[in-house]
């Protein structure tokens, strides 16, 4: 998801933490060495966990790929979105939370 990498590259220095979760759609996508290779190839610098048993998928009530969440420092979900688009909304929430965290 290139937009996630772009957000990380833009806001990591300001305190944004991203944890990628890879939940496979097909058996081929469960191969850990191939996942690691893809992470390196795409230049992803944030940690990526592998959810081969769909535990995180289930815990967060995901129903489509991709799904993303913005969670604040207290662990409260501030934004939940499934599917593509709406990346501007995600960035606005991130900006608000980072500004709040810096006291701005």
N, C-alpha and C. Protein backbone atom coordinates (compact mmCIF):
# COMPACT_ATOMS: atom_id res chain seq x y z
N UNK A 1 0.85 -1.17 0.00
CA UNK A 1 0.00 0.00 0.00
C UNK A 1 0.90 1.24 0.00
N UNK A 2 1.14 1.78 -1.16
CA UNK A 2 2.09 2.89 -1.29
C UNK A 2 1.73 4.10 -0.43
N UNK A 3 0.45 4.38 -0.26
CA UNK A 3 0.07 5.56 0.52
C UNK A 3 0.49 5.43 1.98
N UNK A 4 0.51 4.21 2.52
CA UNK A 4 0.94 4.01 3.91
C UNK A 4 2.43 4.30 4.02
N UNK A 5 3.19 3.81 3.07
CA UNK A 5 4.63 4.09 3.06
C UNK A 5 4.87 5.59 2.96
N UNK A 6 4.11 6.27 2.12
CA UNK A 6 4.25 7.72 1.98
C UNK A 6 3.95 8.44 3.29
N UNK A 7 2.90 8.01 3.99
CA UNK A 7 2.58 8.61 5.29
C UNK A 7 3.71 8.38 6.28
N UNK A 8 4.25 7.17 6.29
CA UNK A 8 5.36 6.86 7.19
C UNK A 8 6.56 7.74 6.86
N UNK A 9 6.92 7.80 5.60
CA UNK A 9 8.07 8.61 5.19
C UNK A 9 7.88 10.08 5.56
N UNK A 10 6.67 10.55 5.49
CA UNK A 10 6.37 11.96 5.76
C UNK A 10 6.29 12.28 7.25
N UNK A 11 5.74 11.37 8.07
CA UNK A 11 5.43 11.71 9.45
C UNK A 11 6.18 10.91 10.52
N UNK A 12 7.00 9.96 10.16
CA UNK A 12 7.72 9.17 11.18
C UNK A 12 8.58 10.07 12.05
N UNK A 13 9.21 11.06 11.45
CA UNK A 13 10.06 11.98 12.21
C UNK A 13 9.26 12.77 13.24
N UNK A 14 7.95 12.88 13.04
CA UNK A 14 7.09 13.61 13.96
C UNK A 14 6.46 12.71 15.02
N UNK A 15 6.74 11.41 14.95
CA UNK A 15 6.23 10.50 15.96
C UNK A 15 5.24 9.47 15.47
N UNK A 16 4.91 9.47 14.19
CA UNK A 16 3.98 8.48 13.67
C UNK A 16 4.60 7.09 13.75
N UNK A 17 3.86 6.16 14.30
CA UNK A 17 4.28 4.76 14.36
C UNK A 17 3.31 3.96 13.49
N UNK A 18 3.85 3.18 12.59
CA UNK A 18 3.02 2.31 11.76
C UNK A 18 3.45 0.88 12.00
N UNK A 19 2.47 0.02 12.17
CA UNK A 19 2.71 -1.42 12.22
C UNK A 19 1.86 -2.02 11.11
N UNK A 20 2.51 -2.54 10.11
CA UNK A 20 1.79 -3.18 9.02
C UNK A 20 1.35 -4.57 9.43
N UNK A 21 0.20 -4.96 8.99
CA UNK A 21 -0.31 -6.32 9.25
C UNK A 21 -0.62 -6.95 7.90
N UNK A 22 0.09 -8.02 7.60
CA UNK A 22 -0.15 -8.74 6.35
C UNK A 22 -1.07 -9.92 6.63
N UNK A 23 -2.28 -9.85 6.12
CA UNK A 23 -3.24 -10.95 6.21
C UNK A 23 -3.43 -11.49 4.80
N UNK A 24 -3.01 -12.73 4.57
CA UNK A 24 -3.04 -13.27 3.21
C UNK A 24 -4.45 -13.55 2.70
N UNK A 25 -4.63 -13.34 1.41
CA UNK A 25 -5.90 -13.68 0.77
C UNK A 25 -5.88 -15.11 0.23
N UNK A 26 -4.70 -15.57 -0.15
CA UNK A 26 -4.55 -16.92 -0.71
C UNK A 26 -3.33 -17.57 -0.08
N UNK A 27 -3.25 -18.90 -0.17
CA UNK A 27 -2.16 -19.64 0.47
C UNK A 27 -0.78 -19.16 0.04
N UNK A 28 -0.62 -18.80 -1.21
CA UNK A 28 0.67 -18.34 -1.71
C UNK A 28 1.18 -17.15 -0.90
N UNK A 29 0.30 -16.32 -0.40
CA UNK A 29 0.68 -15.11 0.34
C UNK A 29 1.07 -15.39 1.79
N UNK A 30 1.07 -16.65 2.20
CA UNK A 30 1.45 -17.02 3.57
C UNK A 30 2.95 -17.30 3.71
N UNK A 31 3.67 -17.33 2.62
CA UNK A 31 5.09 -17.68 2.59
C UNK A 31 5.94 -16.56 3.20
N UNK A 32 6.47 -16.79 4.41
CA UNK A 32 7.21 -15.76 5.15
C UNK A 32 8.41 -15.22 4.36
N UNK A 33 9.26 -16.07 3.77
CA UNK A 33 10.38 -15.51 3.00
C UNK A 33 9.93 -14.60 1.85
N UNK A 34 8.83 -14.93 1.20
CA UNK A 34 8.33 -14.08 0.11
C UNK A 34 7.78 -12.76 0.65
N UNK A 35 7.18 -12.82 1.84
CA UNK A 35 6.68 -11.59 2.47
C UNK A 35 7.85 -10.68 2.81
N UNK A 36 8.90 -11.25 3.43
CA UNK A 36 10.09 -10.46 3.78
C UNK A 36 10.71 -9.85 2.53
N UNK A 37 10.78 -10.62 1.48
CA UNK A 37 11.34 -10.13 0.21
C UNK A 37 10.52 -8.96 -0.33
N UNK A 38 9.21 -9.07 -0.26
CA UNK A 38 8.34 -7.99 -0.75
C UNK A 38 8.51 -6.72 0.09
N UNK A 39 8.64 -6.88 1.40
CA UNK A 39 8.83 -5.72 2.28
C UNK A 39 10.11 -4.98 1.90
N UNK A 40 11.18 -5.73 1.70
CA UNK A 40 12.45 -5.12 1.31
C UNK A 40 12.34 -4.47 -0.07
N UNK A 41 11.76 -5.19 -1.01
CA UNK A 41 11.63 -4.70 -2.39
C UNK A 41 10.83 -3.40 -2.46
N UNK A 42 9.81 -3.29 -1.61
CA UNK A 42 8.96 -2.09 -1.62
C UNK A 42 9.54 -0.96 -0.77
N UNK A 43 10.66 -1.23 -0.07
CA UNK A 43 11.30 -0.19 0.73
C UNK A 43 10.54 0.15 1.99
N UNK A 44 9.79 -0.80 2.53
CA UNK A 44 9.01 -0.56 3.74
C UNK A 44 9.94 -0.59 4.95
N UNK A 45 9.92 0.48 5.74
CA UNK A 45 10.82 0.62 6.88
C UNK A 45 10.13 0.34 8.22
N UNK A 46 8.83 0.31 8.23
CA UNK A 46 8.10 0.03 9.47
C UNK A 46 7.92 -1.48 9.61
N UNK A 47 7.68 -1.95 10.86
CA UNK A 47 7.51 -3.39 11.06
C UNK A 47 6.23 -3.91 10.41
N UNK A 48 6.31 -5.13 9.91
CA UNK A 48 5.15 -5.79 9.32
C UNK A 48 4.99 -7.15 9.99
N UNK A 49 3.84 -7.36 10.60
CA UNK A 49 3.55 -8.66 11.21
C UNK A 49 2.71 -9.48 10.24
N UNK A 50 2.83 -10.78 10.37
CA UNK A 50 2.11 -11.69 9.47
C UNK A 50 0.96 -12.32 10.24
N UNK A 51 -0.24 -12.16 9.72
CA UNK A 51 -1.47 -12.63 10.36
C UNK A 51 -2.03 -13.83 9.60
N UNK A 52 -1.21 -14.88 9.46
CA UNK A 52 -1.63 -16.05 8.68
C UNK A 52 -2.84 -16.78 9.25
N UNK A 53 -3.09 -16.62 10.55
CA UNK A 53 -4.24 -17.31 11.16
C UNK A 53 -5.46 -16.39 11.30
N UNK A 54 -5.37 -15.20 10.74
CA UNK A 54 -6.48 -14.23 10.73
C UNK A 54 -6.92 -13.78 12.13
N UNK A 55 -6.02 -13.84 13.10
CA UNK A 55 -6.38 -13.43 14.45
C UNK A 55 -6.59 -11.91 14.53
N UNK A 56 -5.66 -11.15 14.00
CA UNK A 56 -5.79 -9.69 14.02
C UNK A 56 -6.97 -9.27 13.14
N UNK A 57 -7.07 -9.90 11.99
CA UNK A 57 -8.19 -9.66 11.07
C UNK A 57 -9.52 -9.80 11.81
N UNK A 58 -9.65 -10.87 12.57
CA UNK A 58 -10.89 -11.13 13.32
C UNK A 58 -11.07 -10.16 14.47
N UNK A 59 -9.99 -9.91 15.22
CA UNK A 59 -10.08 -9.01 16.37
C UNK A 59 -10.52 -7.60 15.97
N UNK A 60 -10.10 -7.16 14.79
CA UNK A 60 -10.45 -5.82 14.32
C UNK A 60 -11.67 -5.80 13.41
N UNK A 61 -12.33 -6.93 13.31
CA UNK A 61 -13.57 -7.06 12.53
C UNK A 61 -13.41 -6.61 11.08
N UNK A 62 -12.28 -6.96 10.49
CA UNK A 62 -12.04 -6.62 9.09
C UNK A 62 -12.93 -7.47 8.20
N UNK A 63 -13.31 -6.89 7.07
CA UNK A 63 -14.13 -7.65 6.13
C UNK A 63 -13.70 -7.46 4.68
N UNK A 64 -12.67 -6.67 4.45
CA UNK A 64 -12.16 -6.48 3.09
C UNK A 64 -10.70 -6.03 3.14
N UNK A 65 -10.03 -6.20 2.01
CA UNK A 65 -8.65 -5.73 1.87
C UNK A 65 -8.65 -4.48 1.02
N UNK A 66 -7.86 -3.51 1.29
CA UNK A 66 -7.12 -3.32 2.53
C UNK A 66 -8.02 -2.72 3.60
N UNK A 67 -7.62 -2.89 4.83
CA UNK A 67 -8.27 -2.22 5.96
C UNK A 67 -7.17 -1.48 6.71
N UNK A 68 -7.50 -0.31 7.20
CA UNK A 68 -6.51 0.38 8.02
C UNK A 68 -7.19 1.12 9.16
N UNK A 69 -6.40 1.32 10.21
CA UNK A 69 -6.89 1.93 11.43
C UNK A 69 -5.87 2.95 11.90
N UNK A 70 -6.35 4.04 12.47
CA UNK A 70 -5.48 5.00 13.14
C UNK A 70 -5.85 4.91 14.61
N UNK A 71 -4.84 4.57 15.40
CA UNK A 71 -5.03 4.38 16.84
C UNK A 71 -4.21 5.44 17.56
N UNK A 72 -4.81 6.11 18.54
CA UNK A 72 -4.08 7.16 19.25
C UNK A 72 -3.17 6.56 20.32
N UNK A 73 -2.46 7.42 21.05
CA UNK A 73 -1.50 6.96 22.05
C UNK A 73 -2.15 6.23 23.22
N UNK A 74 -3.43 6.43 23.41
CA UNK A 74 -4.14 5.73 24.48
C UNK A 74 -4.73 4.40 24.01
N UNK A 75 -4.54 4.08 22.74
CA UNK A 75 -5.05 2.82 22.20
C UNK A 75 -6.47 2.90 21.68
N UNK A 76 -7.00 4.10 21.52
CA UNK A 76 -8.36 4.29 21.04
C UNK A 76 -8.34 4.46 19.52
N UNK A 77 -9.16 3.70 18.84
CA UNK A 77 -9.24 3.80 17.38
C UNK A 77 -9.89 5.14 17.02
N UNK A 78 -9.15 5.95 16.27
CA UNK A 78 -9.64 7.26 15.85
C UNK A 78 -10.20 7.24 14.43
N UNK A 79 -9.79 6.24 13.64
CA UNK A 79 -10.30 6.12 12.28
C UNK A 79 -10.20 4.66 11.88
N UNK A 80 -11.25 4.18 11.24
CA UNK A 80 -11.29 2.82 10.71
C UNK A 80 -11.79 2.91 9.29
N UNK A 81 -11.07 2.25 8.37
CA UNK A 81 -11.49 2.32 6.97
C UNK A 81 -11.15 1.03 6.26
N UNK A 82 -12.08 0.53 5.50
CA UNK A 82 -11.86 -0.65 4.67
C UNK A 82 -11.98 -0.24 3.21
N UNK A 83 -11.11 -0.81 2.39
CA UNK A 83 -11.12 -0.49 0.97
C UNK A 83 -10.09 0.57 0.63
N UNK A 84 -10.15 1.01 -0.60
CA UNK A 84 -9.21 2.03 -1.05
C UNK A 84 -9.87 3.40 -0.96
N UNK A 85 -9.08 4.41 -1.26
CA UNK A 85 -9.52 5.81 -1.24
C UNK A 85 -9.57 6.35 0.19
N UNK A 86 -10.04 7.57 0.34
CA UNK A 86 -10.16 8.26 1.62
C UNK A 86 -8.82 8.45 2.32
N UNK A 87 -7.73 8.44 1.57
CA UNK A 87 -6.42 8.58 2.20
C UNK A 87 -6.24 9.98 2.79
N UNK A 88 -6.92 10.95 2.21
CA UNK A 88 -6.84 12.31 2.75
C UNK A 88 -7.42 12.35 4.16
N UNK A 89 -8.51 11.61 4.40
CA UNK A 89 -9.10 11.55 5.74
C UNK A 89 -8.11 10.96 6.73
N UNK A 90 -7.42 9.92 6.32
CA UNK A 90 -6.43 9.29 7.18
C UNK A 90 -5.33 10.28 7.53
N UNK A 91 -4.84 10.99 6.54
CA UNK A 91 -3.77 11.95 6.79
C UNK A 91 -4.23 13.07 7.72
N UNK A 92 -5.45 13.54 7.57
CA UNK A 92 -5.97 14.60 8.45
C UNK A 92 -6.02 14.13 9.90
N UNK A 93 -6.46 12.89 10.12
CA UNK A 93 -6.51 12.36 11.49
C UNK A 93 -5.09 12.25 12.05
N UNK A 94 -4.16 11.77 11.24
CA UNK A 94 -2.77 11.66 11.68
C UNK A 94 -2.22 13.03 12.04
N UNK A 95 -2.46 14.02 11.20
CA UNK A 95 -1.98 15.38 11.47
C UNK A 95 -2.56 15.90 12.78
N UNK A 96 -3.85 15.68 12.99
CA UNK A 96 -4.49 16.15 14.22
C UNK A 96 -3.87 15.50 15.45
N UNK A 97 -3.68 14.19 15.39
CA UNK A 97 -3.12 13.47 16.54
C UNK A 97 -1.67 13.85 16.81
N UNK A 98 -0.90 14.03 15.75
CA UNK A 98 0.50 14.43 15.94
C UNK A 98 0.58 15.84 16.52
N UNK A 99 -0.30 16.74 16.06
CA UNK A 99 -0.32 18.10 16.60
C UNK A 99 -0.72 18.09 18.07
N UNK A 100 -1.69 17.25 18.41
CA UNK A 100 -2.14 17.13 19.80
C UNK A 100 -1.01 16.60 20.67
N UNK A 101 -0.28 15.62 20.15
CA UNK A 101 0.81 15.02 20.91
C UNK A 101 1.99 15.96 21.11
N UNK A 102 2.16 16.92 20.20
CA UNK A 102 3.28 17.85 20.31
C UNK A 102 2.89 19.12 21.06
N UNK A 103 1.61 19.22 21.44
CA UNK A 103 1.14 20.38 22.18
C UNK A 103 0.83 21.58 21.31
N UNK A 104 0.77 21.38 20.01
CA UNK A 104 0.47 22.50 19.09
C UNK A 104 -1.00 22.82 19.08
